[in-house]
Amino acid sequence: MRRSIRRYGLAAAAGVAAFTLFTGCAAAGGGAEPESVSFPDGEVGAAEDTEITVAIPFPDITMYSMYVLATDLGYYEEEGLTVEVITADNVTAAVASGSADIGVDSTGTVIEAIRGGVELELVGGHYCRQNFDFAAQSGITSVEQLDGTSVVLAGTPGDPAEFQRKRVLKEEGWDLDTVNVEVVYPGPGSESWTEFFVNDKISLQPFYGDDLPALEEHDANIVVETLRNWANDVQVAGSGWAAENPNTLVRFLRATIKAVDFMTAPAPGEFPENVDQVLDIYEANDFDVAALRELDSPWVLDAHLACPNLYFDAEAWDTTIETQELEPIEFDDAQLVYLEKAQELLDLTNEGPVTLPYP
């Protein structure tokens, strides 16, 4: 089965490493602090900017499917919008520089960018949950058996995902601080972690769905599979662009919420009732969905990781800081004015994720 958030830890690490680039982008903007935005009661006005560019870190049909769905189902067209999706090596920098209007980046990366003075608005959530899956070598059934071995928690040093994974392991009875282990960093992609694992160079690793066949062939012991209500990633816009295009942003978020609702129906954690239509849309957009069509699982569209209302708030912000061991920084609730207006127009609230059982 497919597990999401693949390579997203790399995006977080790259974001932190690119701190000086972010600061440079902020300095280049040099503009005054935008005035706060408010909306009157009722419907929003016409879109100011009708052509929107959305930056994502890498092509993944399930993780970023809401943009494809909102286009093909006509939701963006209903709002008077045309949306183009591009990939960017550094999404937050692309948005800050104006190369993209909206972007999807890891929550920790966005927090560090805002801390560095980048003029960004965190305008909505993207995925509000994360899955954490770990494999150990055959025969290893307790943390004590890891003593004296090497383990992988992230591909590169400084990746905030390392702190989250270590925390989850502890909560699940695998406290690495109780044993003598060496944490190694084989490289950013989990395929390199699995290569180390099947060659018996490490005793434990995080894994994703496409790593599972090799791990099963190696007779790995799957020791932890769990979900956490922790924001995986968020949607951001440049502060200046958002202030100049408030109606556009609300309309974009409303259409995207409709697409997420279509993808998650009847509810996150349940088998998606629109799966055939969704996969047809993916296929029409030149994505290979043969393997997905064979899955009889609520994981098939990754919809269990999403909140249909694109939830984000100060609690999600603070949870990211705590679990990724970042320096505290206060959340600016004014950033949510666009999301909350879009939610209001759809008779939704900004309610956080419910706890789901692991599928």
Protein backbone atom coordinates (compact mmCIF):
# COMPACT_ATOMS: atom_id res chain seq x y z
CA MET A 1 0.00 0.00 0.00
CA ARG A 2 1.06 3.53 -0.69
CA ARG A 3 2.10 5.74 2.19
CA SER A 4 2.35 9.45 1.52
CA ILE A 5 4.71 12.31 2.46
CA ARG A 6 7.48 10.71 0.42
CA ARG A 7 10.57 12.94 0.22
CA TYR A 8 8.80 15.70 2.14
CA GLY A 9 11.38 15.58 4.88
CA LEU A 10 13.91 16.55 2.23
CA ALA A 11 11.85 19.60 1.37
CA ALA A 12 11.86 20.63 5.01
CA ALA A 13 15.60 20.22 5.31
CA ALA A 14 16.21 22.13 2.10
CA GLY A 15 14.02 24.94 3.37
CA VAL A 16 16.00 25.35 6.56
CA ALA A 17 19.29 25.16 4.66
CA ALA A 18 18.05 27.87 2.28
CA PHE A 19 17.54 30.39 5.10
CA THR A 20 19.93 32.92 3.59
CA LEU A 21 18.21 32.66 0.22
CA PHE A 22 14.86 33.34 1.87
CA THR A 23 16.24 36.34 3.70
CA GLY A 24 17.65 37.66 0.45
CA CYS A 25 14.26 37.36 -1.21
CA ALA A 26 12.64 39.25 1.64
CA ALA A 27 15.20 42.02 1.46
CA ALA A 28 14.79 42.32 -2.30
CA GLY A 29 11.06 42.91 -1.83
CA GLY A 30 11.69 45.83 0.49
CA GLY A 31 7.99 46.72 0.66
CA ALA A 32 6.07 48.04 3.62
CA GLU A 33 4.01 45.69 5.75
CA PRO A 34 0.71 45.10 3.87
CA GLU A 35 -2.45 46.41 5.50
CA SER A 36 -4.70 43.80 7.06
CA VAL A 37 -7.37 42.37 4.79
CA SER A 38 -11.04 42.05 5.71
CA PHE A 39 -14.08 40.89 3.77
CA PRO A 40 -17.66 42.14 3.85
CA ASP A 41 -20.51 39.78 4.59
CA GLY A 42 -21.68 37.56 1.76
CA GLU A 43 -20.05 36.70 -1.55
CA VAL A 44 -16.60 37.95 -2.48
CA GLY A 45 -15.91 40.13 -5.47
CA ALA A 46 -14.54 39.12 -8.85
CA ALA A 47 -11.04 37.69 -9.02
CA GLU A 48 -8.36 40.34 -9.43
CA ASP A 49 -5.77 37.98 -10.93
CA THR A 50 -7.42 35.24 -12.97
CA GLU A 51 -4.30 33.28 -13.90
CA ILE A 52 -2.61 31.55 -10.95
CA THR A 53 0.63 29.61 -10.79
CA VAL A 54 0.93 27.00 -8.03
CA ALA A 55 4.38 25.61 -7.16
CA ILE A 56 4.82 22.09 -5.77
CA PRO A 57 8.11 20.42 -4.79
CA PHE A 58 7.81 17.33 -7.01
CA PRO A 59 5.20 15.65 -9.22
CA ASP A 60 2.97 13.32 -7.24
CA ILE A 61 -0.53 12.71 -8.49
CA THR A 62 -2.07 11.82 -5.15
CA MET A 63 -0.35 14.42 -2.95
CA TYR A 64 -1.25 17.31 -5.23
CA SER A 65 -4.34 15.86 -6.86
CA MET A 66 -6.68 18.56 -5.56
CA TYR A 67 -5.32 21.00 -8.15
CA VAL A 68 -5.82 18.54 -11.01
CA LEU A 69 -9.30 17.67 -9.75
CA ALA A 70 -10.36 21.29 -9.26
CA THR A 71 -9.33 22.02 -12.83
CA ASP A 72 -10.94 19.00 -14.47
CA LEU A 73 -14.13 19.20 -12.40
CA GLY A 74 -14.53 22.84 -13.38
CA TYR A 75 -14.24 24.29 -9.87
CA TYR A 76 -11.55 26.82 -10.82
CA GLU A 77 -13.44 27.77 -13.97
CA GLU A 78 -16.53 28.47 -11.86
CA GLU A 79 -14.43 30.94 -9.89
CA GLY A 80 -13.11 32.62 -13.04
CA LEU A 81 -9.65 31.17 -12.55
CA THR A 82 -7.07 29.32 -14.61
CA VAL A 83 -4.49 27.41 -12.55
CA GLU A 84 -1.10 26.17 -13.75
CA VAL A 85 0.90 23.80 -11.54
CA ILE A 86 4.70 23.86 -11.75
CA THR A 87 7.49 22.15 -9.82
CA ALA A 88 10.16 24.14 -7.98
CA ASP A 89 13.32 23.02 -6.22
CA ASN A 90 12.57 25.54 -3.47
CA VAL A 91 8.84 26.26 -3.33
CA THR A 92 8.92 28.93 -0.63
CA ALA A 93 11.65 30.85 -2.44
CA ALA A 94 9.66 30.61 -5.69
CA VAL A 95 6.63 32.16 -4.01
CA ALA A 96 8.69 34.81 -2.22
CA SER A 97 10.37 35.83 -5.49
CA GLY A 98 7.10 35.99 -7.42
CA SER A 99 7.91 33.02 -9.67
CA ALA A 100 4.75 31.41 -8.30
CA ASP A 101 1.65 32.95 -6.75
CA ILE A 102 0.86 30.08 -4.37
CA GLY A 103 2.98 27.17 -3.21
CA VAL A 104 2.84 24.00 -1.14
CA ASP A 105 5.73 23.55 1.26
CA SER A 106 6.44 21.74 4.51
CA THR A 107 5.13 23.50 7.60
CA GLY A 108 8.55 23.65 9.26
CA THR A 109 10.10 25.22 6.17
CA VAL A 110 7.41 27.90 6.09
CA ILE A 111 7.82 28.66 9.79
CA GLU A 112 11.57 29.12 9.37
CA ALA A 113 11.07 31.30 6.29
CA ILE A 114 8.65 33.60 8.12
CA ARG A 115 11.06 33.71 11.06
CA GLY A 116 13.72 34.87 8.58
CA GLY A 117 11.61 37.81 7.46
CA VAL A 118 10.21 36.43 4.22
CA GLU A 119 6.97 38.17 3.32
CA LEU A 120 4.76 35.10 3.17
CA GLU A 121 1.20 34.38 4.21
CA LEU A 122 0.30 30.88 5.36
CA VAL A 123 -3.08 30.81 3.63
CA GLY A 124 -4.27 27.28 4.33
CA GLY A 125 -3.45 23.72 5.14
CA HIS A 126 -2.71 21.05 2.57
CA TYR A 127 -2.38 17.75 4.44
CA CYS A 128 -3.33 17.87 8.12
CA ARG A 129 -2.07 14.40 9.09
CA GLN A 130 1.15 12.43 8.73
CA ASN A 131 1.81 8.71 8.67
CA PHE A 132 4.89 7.23 10.34
CA ASP A 133 5.99 3.74 9.29
CA PHE A 134 9.18 1.95 10.41
CA ALA A 135 10.79 -1.35 9.47
CA ALA A 136 13.38 -3.31 11.47
CA GLN A 137 15.54 -6.21 10.45
CA SER A 138 14.00 -9.68 10.72
CA GLY A 139 14.05 -10.92 14.28
CA ILE A 140 14.21 -7.47 15.86
CA THR A 141 11.10 -7.14 17.98
CA SER A 142 12.17 -4.68 20.70
CA VAL A 143 14.21 -1.51 20.99
CA GLU A 144 16.80 -3.30 23.13
CA GLN A 145 17.82 -5.37 20.11
CA LEU A 146 18.87 -2.19 18.30
CA ASP A 147 21.72 -1.64 20.77
CA GLY A 148 25.07 -1.33 19.01
CA THR A 149 23.53 -0.97 15.53
CA SER A 150 23.01 1.84 13.03
CA VAL A 151 19.58 3.30 12.24
CA VAL A 152 18.16 5.83 9.78
CA LEU A 153 15.76 8.57 10.86
CA ALA A 154 16.27 10.99 7.96
CA GLY A 155 18.28 11.23 4.79
CA THR A 156 20.31 14.31 5.69
CA PRO A 157 21.44 15.91 8.97
CA GLY A 158 19.22 18.74 10.15
CA ASP A 159 16.01 17.41 8.62
CA PRO A 160 13.26 18.31 11.13
CA ALA A 161 11.51 15.05 10.26
CA GLU A 162 14.23 13.28 12.25
CA PHE A 163 12.91 14.79 15.49
CA GLN A 164 9.33 13.88 14.65
CA ARG A 165 10.23 10.30 13.79
CA LYS A 166 12.29 9.84 16.95
CA ARG A 167 9.38 11.20 19.00
CA VAL A 168 6.88 8.84 17.35
CA LEU A 169 9.18 5.86 17.91
CA LYS A 170 9.40 6.74 21.60
CA GLU A 171 5.62 7.09 21.86
CA GLU A 172 5.25 3.68 20.21
CA GLY A 173 7.65 1.94 22.65
CA TRP A 174 10.87 2.27 20.65
CA ASP A 175 12.76 4.92 22.62
CA LEU A 176 16.14 5.20 20.91
CA ASP A 177 17.57 7.16 23.84
CA THR A 178 17.50 3.97 25.92
CA VAL A 179 19.99 2.16 23.67
CA ASN A 180 23.33 2.88 22.02
CA VAL A 181 22.57 3.42 18.33
CA GLU A 182 24.38 5.32 15.61
CA VAL A 183 22.11 7.54 13.48
CA VAL A 184 23.35 7.54 9.88
CA TYR A 185 22.26 9.54 6.83
CA PRO A 186 22.43 7.52 3.60
CA GLY A 187 20.92 10.26 1.42
CA PRO A 188 17.66 12.12 0.86
CA GLY A 189 15.64 9.47 -0.93
CA SER A 190 14.13 6.53 0.94
CA GLU A 191 15.29 4.22 -1.85
CA SER A 192 18.85 4.76 -0.55
CA TRP A 193 17.70 3.94 2.99
CA THR A 194 16.17 0.71 1.75
CA GLU A 195 19.36 -0.12 -0.15
CA PHE A 196 21.27 0.17 3.13
CA PHE A 197 18.62 -1.93 4.87
CA VAL A 198 18.55 -4.86 2.44
CA ASN A 199 22.36 -4.94 2.53
CA ASP A 200 22.19 -5.24 6.34
CA LYS A 201 23.98 -1.93 6.97
CA ILE A 202 21.19 -0.52 9.15
CA SER A 203 18.79 -2.13 11.58
CA LEU A 204 15.82 0.28 11.35
CA GLN A 205 14.43 2.79 8.86
CA PRO A 206 11.31 4.84 8.06
CA PHE A 207 9.65 3.67 4.86
CA TYR A 208 7.01 4.55 2.27
CA GLY A 209 4.69 2.45 0.19
CA ASP A 210 7.02 1.97 -2.76
CA ASP A 211 9.77 0.75 -0.40
CA LEU A 212 7.54 -2.01 0.97
CA PRO A 213 8.04 -4.70 -1.71
CA ALA A 214 11.82 -4.70 -1.23
CA LEU A 215 11.43 -4.69 2.54
CA GLU A 216 8.98 -7.59 2.46
CA GLU A 217 11.27 -9.57 0.15
CA HIS A 218 14.05 -8.99 2.70
CA ASP A 219 11.71 -10.32 5.41
CA ALA A 220 11.70 -7.03 7.32
CA ASN A 221 9.69 -6.68 10.50
CA ILE A 222 7.23 -3.78 10.30
CA VAL A 223 7.42 -2.47 13.86
CA VAL A 224 5.43 0.79 13.72
CA GLU A 225 2.56 1.97 11.53
CA THR A 226 0.71 4.99 12.88
CA LEU A 227 -0.96 8.31 12.04
CA ARG A 228 -0.51 11.65 13.79
CA ASN A 229 -2.67 14.76 13.52
CA TRP A 230 0.36 16.87 12.65
CA ALA A 231 0.36 19.28 9.72
CA ASN A 232 2.42 17.78 6.94
CA ASP A 233 2.51 20.77 4.66
CA VAL A 234 0.72 24.05 4.01
CA GLN A 235 -0.23 26.45 1.24
CA VAL A 236 1.48 29.83 1.15
CA ALA A 237 1.25 33.03 -0.88
CA GLY A 238 3.39 36.13 -1.04
CA SER A 239 2.10 38.73 1.41
CA GLY A 240 1.98 41.45 -1.24
CA TRP A 241 0.27 39.24 -3.83
CA ALA A 242 -2.32 38.07 -1.28
CA ALA A 243 -3.13 41.64 -0.22
CA GLU A 244 -3.53 42.70 -3.85
CA ASN A 245 -5.61 39.66 -4.81
CA PRO A 246 -7.84 38.83 -1.83
CA ASN A 247 -10.86 37.78 -3.88
CA THR A 248 -8.68 35.64 -6.12
CA LEU A 249 -7.20 33.87 -3.12
CA VAL A 250 -10.58 33.19 -1.50
CA ARG A 251 -11.95 31.88 -4.79
CA PHE A 252 -8.89 29.68 -5.28
CA LEU A 253 -9.20 28.23 -1.78
CA ARG A 254 -12.95 27.66 -2.17
CA ALA A 255 -12.44 25.72 -5.40
CA THR A 256 -9.58 23.73 -3.87
CA ILE A 257 -11.71 22.86 -0.82
CA LYS A 258 -14.40 21.54 -3.16
CA ALA A 259 -11.82 19.33 -4.86
CA VAL A 260 -10.50 17.99 -1.53
CA ASP A 261 -14.06 17.27 -0.44
CA PHE A 262 -14.65 15.36 -3.69
CA MET A 263 -11.47 13.36 -3.14
CA THR A 264 -12.19 12.54 0.50
CA ALA A 265 -15.93 11.81 0.21
CA PRO A 266 -17.67 10.44 2.16
CA ALA A 267 -15.04 11.18 4.84
CA PRO A 268 -11.30 10.87 5.48
CA GLY A 269 -10.41 7.36 6.59
CA GLU A 270 -13.26 5.77 4.66
CA PHE A 271 -12.99 4.25 1.22
CA PRO A 272 -13.37 7.14 -1.27
CA GLU A 273 -16.69 6.88 -3.07
CA ASN A 274 -15.45 8.87 -6.10
CA VAL A 275 -12.31 6.79 -6.61
CA ASP A 276 -13.13 5.62 -10.15
CA GLN A 277 -13.88 9.12 -11.40
CA VAL A 278 -10.77 10.49 -9.68
CA LEU A 279 -8.53 7.83 -11.20
CA ASP A 280 -10.06 8.49 -14.63
CA ILE A 281 -9.09 12.15 -14.25
CA TYR A 282 -5.56 11.20 -13.21
CA GLU A 283 -5.24 8.91 -16.21
CA ALA A 284 -6.54 11.60 -18.55
CA ASN A 285 -3.72 13.78 -17.25
CA ASP A 286 -1.11 11.18 -18.25
CA PHE A 287 -0.52 9.61 -14.84
CA ASP A 288 -0.10 5.85 -14.56
CA VAL A 289 -2.88 4.65 -12.24
CA ALA A 290 -2.79 0.91 -12.95
CA ALA A 291 -1.46 0.08 -9.48
CA LEU A 292 -3.90 2.44 -7.79
CA ARG A 293 -6.86 0.80 -9.53
CA GLU A 294 -5.92 -2.49 -7.91
CA LEU A 295 -5.95 -1.09 -4.36
CA ASP A 296 -9.00 -1.88 -2.26
CA SER A 297 -7.91 0.42 0.53
CA PRO A 298 -8.83 3.83 1.97
CA TRP A 299 -5.19 4.75 1.26
CA VAL A 300 -5.76 4.70 -2.48
CA LEU A 301 -6.09 8.50 -2.90
CA ASP A 302 -4.15 9.47 0.25
CA ALA A 303 -7.38 11.16 1.33
CA HIS A 304 -6.98 10.00 4.93
CA LEU A 305 -4.17 12.57 5.30
CA ALA A 306 -6.35 15.50 4.25
CA CYS A 307 -8.84 17.72 6.05
CA PRO A 308 -11.56 18.70 3.56
CA ASN A 309 -11.71 22.22 5.04
CA LEU A 310 -7.94 22.76 4.52
CA TYR A 311 -7.59 23.24 8.28
CA PHE A 312 -4.74 25.16 9.81
CA ASP A 313 -4.49 27.27 12.97
CA ALA A 314 -2.19 28.31 15.82
CA GLU A 315 -2.40 24.84 17.38
CA ALA A 316 -1.08 23.20 14.18
CA TRP A 317 1.67 25.83 14.05
CA ASP A 318 2.69 25.23 17.68
CA THR A 319 2.55 21.45 17.23
CA THR A 320 4.98 21.68 14.31
CA ILE A 321 7.36 23.80 16.37
CA GLU A 322 7.19 21.34 19.26
CA THR A 323 7.52 18.11 17.28
CA GLN A 324 10.25 19.44 14.96
CA GLU A 325 12.07 21.10 17.89
CA LEU A 326 12.07 24.55 16.25
CA GLU A 327 12.56 27.84 18.09
CA PRO A 328 9.18 29.23 19.17
CA ILE A 329 7.59 31.99 17.09
CA GLU A 330 4.08 33.38 17.50
CA PHE A 331 1.45 32.56 14.88
CA ASP A 332 -0.25 35.48 13.11
CA ASP A 333 -3.95 34.59 12.93
CA ALA A 334 -4.52 37.33 10.35
CA GLN A 335 -3.02 35.01 7.73
CA LEU A 336 -6.13 32.82 7.93
CA VAL A 337 -8.58 35.52 6.81
CA TYR A 338 -8.67 34.11 3.25
CA LEU A 339 -9.16 30.51 4.36
CA GLU A 340 -11.81 31.39 6.91
CA LYS A 341 -13.76 33.39 4.30
CA ALA A 342 -13.62 30.48 1.85
CA GLN A 343 -14.78 28.13 4.60
CA GLU A 344 -17.60 30.50 5.56
CA LEU A 345 -18.86 30.61 1.98
CA LEU A 346 -19.04 26.80 2.03
CA ASP A 347 -20.72 26.67 5.47
CA LEU A 348 -17.59 25.15 7.01
CA THR A 349 -15.58 25.97 10.10
CA ASN A 350 -11.83 25.77 10.63
CA GLU A 351 -12.17 22.65 12.76
CA GLY A 352 -9.10 20.51 13.25
CA PRO A 353 -8.61 16.86 12.25
CA VAL A 354 -10.35 14.03 14.05
CA THR A 355 -8.23 11.08 15.12
CA LEU A 356 -8.32 8.27 12.55
CA PRO A 357 -7.38 4.64 13.05
CA TYR A 358 -4.47 3.46 10.97
CA PRO A 359 -6.08 1.99 7.82
